[in-house]
Amino acid sequence: MKPSLKGNIDAVANFMEASLETRTLTADEITARQLQVAVPSGTTPAQWQQINRAIQYGQSQGVKVIVTPVK
């Protein structure tokens, strides 16, 4: 699987806290973890194989990976 995709999955799985102005969001407030990925329509079968591996890895980390094909 591509290292950047794995890194994004890990970042979602390991998110603990973020603040914006006066609001802080903590991991305790999160009920679901998702990563949405846009994939070009010309993606090769080998690339899809890697994407599917990333989806499985995401599941093992508690992250739902949503793949959206784009033109």
C-alpha atoms as a PDB file:
ATOM      1  CA  MET A   1       0.000   0.000   0.000  1.00  0.00           C
ATOM      2  CA  LYS A   2       1.188   3.518  -0.694  1.00  0.00           C
ATOM      3  CA  PRO A   3       2.971   5.045   2.304  1.00  0.00           C
ATOM      4  CA  SER A   4       0.982   8.287   2.018  1.00  0.00           C
ATOM      5  CA  LEU A   5      -2.332   6.427   2.210  1.00  0.00           C
ATOM      6  CA  LYS A   6      -1.130   4.396   5.194  1.00  0.00           C
ATOM      7  CA  GLY A   7       0.080   7.599   6.832  1.00  0.00           C
ATOM      8  CA  ASN A   8      -3.323   9.218   6.388  1.00  0.00           C
ATOM      9  CA  ILE A   9      -5.062   6.168   7.852  1.00  0.00           C
ATOM     10  CA  ASP A  10      -2.665   6.203  10.801  1.00  0.00           C
ATOM     11  CA  ALA A  11      -3.297   9.932  11.335  1.00  0.00           C
ATOM     12  CA  VAL A  12      -7.054   9.351  11.488  1.00  0.00           C
ATOM     13  CA  ALA A  13      -6.659   6.334  13.779  1.00  0.00           C
ATOM     14  CA  ASN A  14      -4.292   8.170  16.134  1.00  0.00           C
ATOM     15  CA  PHE A  15      -6.132  11.504  16.274  1.00  0.00           C
ATOM     16  CA  MET A  16      -6.325  12.698  19.871  1.00  0.00           C
ATOM     17  CA  GLU A  17      -7.212  16.403  19.914  1.00  0.00           C
ATOM     18  CA  ALA A  18      -7.516  19.536  17.791  1.00  0.00           C
ATOM     19  CA  SER A  19      -8.498  23.113  18.595  1.00  0.00           C
ATOM     20  CA  LEU A  20      -9.936  25.892  16.471  1.00  0.00           C
ATOM     21  CA  GLU A  21     -10.552  29.257  18.068  1.00  0.00           C
ATOM     22  CA  THR A  22     -12.470  28.475  21.271  1.00  0.00           C
ATOM     23  CA  ARG A  23     -13.518  24.893  20.394  1.00  0.00           C
ATOM     24  CA  THR A  24     -11.487  21.797  21.201  1.00  0.00           C
ATOM     25  CA  LEU A  25     -12.392  18.383  19.784  1.00  0.00           C
ATOM     26  CA  THR A  26     -11.086  15.359  21.651  1.00  0.00           C
ATOM     27  CA  ALA A  27     -10.881  11.692  20.721  1.00  0.00           C
ATOM     28  CA  ASP A  28     -13.558  10.921  23.332  1.00  0.00           C
ATOM     29  CA  GLU A  29     -16.093  12.880  21.268  1.00  0.00           C
ATOM     30  CA  ILE A  30     -15.492  10.894  18.084  1.00  0.00           C
ATOM     31  CA  THR A  31     -17.996   8.146  17.316  1.00  0.00           C
ATOM     32  CA  ALA A  32     -16.578   7.068  13.926  1.00  0.00           C
ATOM     33  CA  ARG A  33     -13.294   7.508  12.092  1.00  0.00           C
ATOM     34  CA  GLN A  34     -13.349   7.849   8.306  1.00  0.00           C
ATOM     35  CA  LEU A  35     -10.941   8.746   5.533  1.00  0.00           C
ATOM     36  CA  GLN A  36     -12.353   9.757   2.162  1.00  0.00           C
ATOM     37  CA  VAL A  37     -10.066   9.227  -0.834  1.00  0.00           C
ATOM     38  CA  ALA A  38     -10.626  10.446  -4.400  1.00  0.00           C
ATOM     39  CA  VAL A  39      -9.248   8.031  -7.011  1.00  0.00           C
ATOM     40  CA  PRO A  40      -8.788   8.942 -10.704  1.00  0.00           C
ATOM     41  CA  SER A  41     -10.871   6.963 -13.198  1.00  0.00           C
ATOM     42  CA  GLY A  42      -7.679   5.713 -14.896  1.00  0.00           C
ATOM     43  CA  THR A  43      -6.450   3.891 -11.812  1.00  0.00           C
ATOM     44  CA  THR A  44      -4.734   0.634 -12.808  1.00  0.00           C
ATOM     45  CA  PRO A  45      -5.643  -2.818 -11.448  1.00  0.00           C
ATOM     46  CA  ALA A  46      -2.350  -2.877  -9.529  1.00  0.00           C
ATOM     47  CA  GLN A  47      -3.208   0.457  -7.931  1.00  0.00           C
ATOM     48  CA  TRP A  48      -6.692  -0.819  -7.033  1.00  0.00           C
ATOM     49  CA  GLN A  49      -5.047  -3.794  -5.364  1.00  0.00           C
ATOM     50  CA  GLN A  50      -3.040  -1.392  -3.189  1.00  0.00           C
ATOM     51  CA  ILE A  51      -6.150   0.678  -2.454  1.00  0.00           C
ATOM     52  CA  ASN A  52      -8.011  -2.465  -1.384  1.00  0.00           C
ATOM     53  CA  ARG A  53      -5.114  -3.344   0.910  1.00  0.00           C
ATOM     54  CA  ALA A  54      -5.386   0.144   2.390  1.00  0.00           C
ATOM     55  CA  ILE A  55      -9.128  -0.360   2.966  1.00  0.00           C
ATOM     56  CA  GLN A  56      -8.380  -3.598   4.835  1.00  0.00           C
ATOM     57  CA  TYR A  57      -5.624  -1.903   6.829  1.00  0.00           C
ATOM     58  CA  GLY A  58      -8.023   0.907   7.701  1.00  0.00           C
ATOM     59  CA  GLN A  59     -10.563  -1.615   8.985  1.00  0.00           C
ATOM     60  CA  SER A  60      -7.897  -3.181  11.185  1.00  0.00           C
ATOM     61  CA  GLN A  61      -7.173   0.281  12.629  1.00  0.00           C
ATOM     62  CA  GLY A  62     -10.820   1.220  13.174  1.00  0.00           C
ATOM     63  CA  VAL A  63     -10.909   3.600  10.200  1.00  0.00           C
ATOM     64  CA  LYS A  64     -13.480   3.312   7.415  1.00  0.00           C
ATOM     65  CA  VAL A  65     -11.802   4.181   4.108  1.00  0.00           C
ATOM     66  CA  ILE A  66     -14.291   5.566   1.585  1.00  0.00           C
ATOM     67  CA  VAL A  67     -13.101   5.553  -2.033  1.00  0.00           C
ATOM     68  CA  THR A  68     -14.712   7.902  -4.557  1.00  0.00           C
ATOM     69  CA  PRO A  69     -13.764   7.519  -8.253  1.00  0.00           C
ATOM     70  CA  VAL A  70     -13.340  10.876 -10.020  1.00  0.00           C
ATOM     71  CA  LYS A  71     -12.803  11.875 -13.641  1.00  0.00           C
END
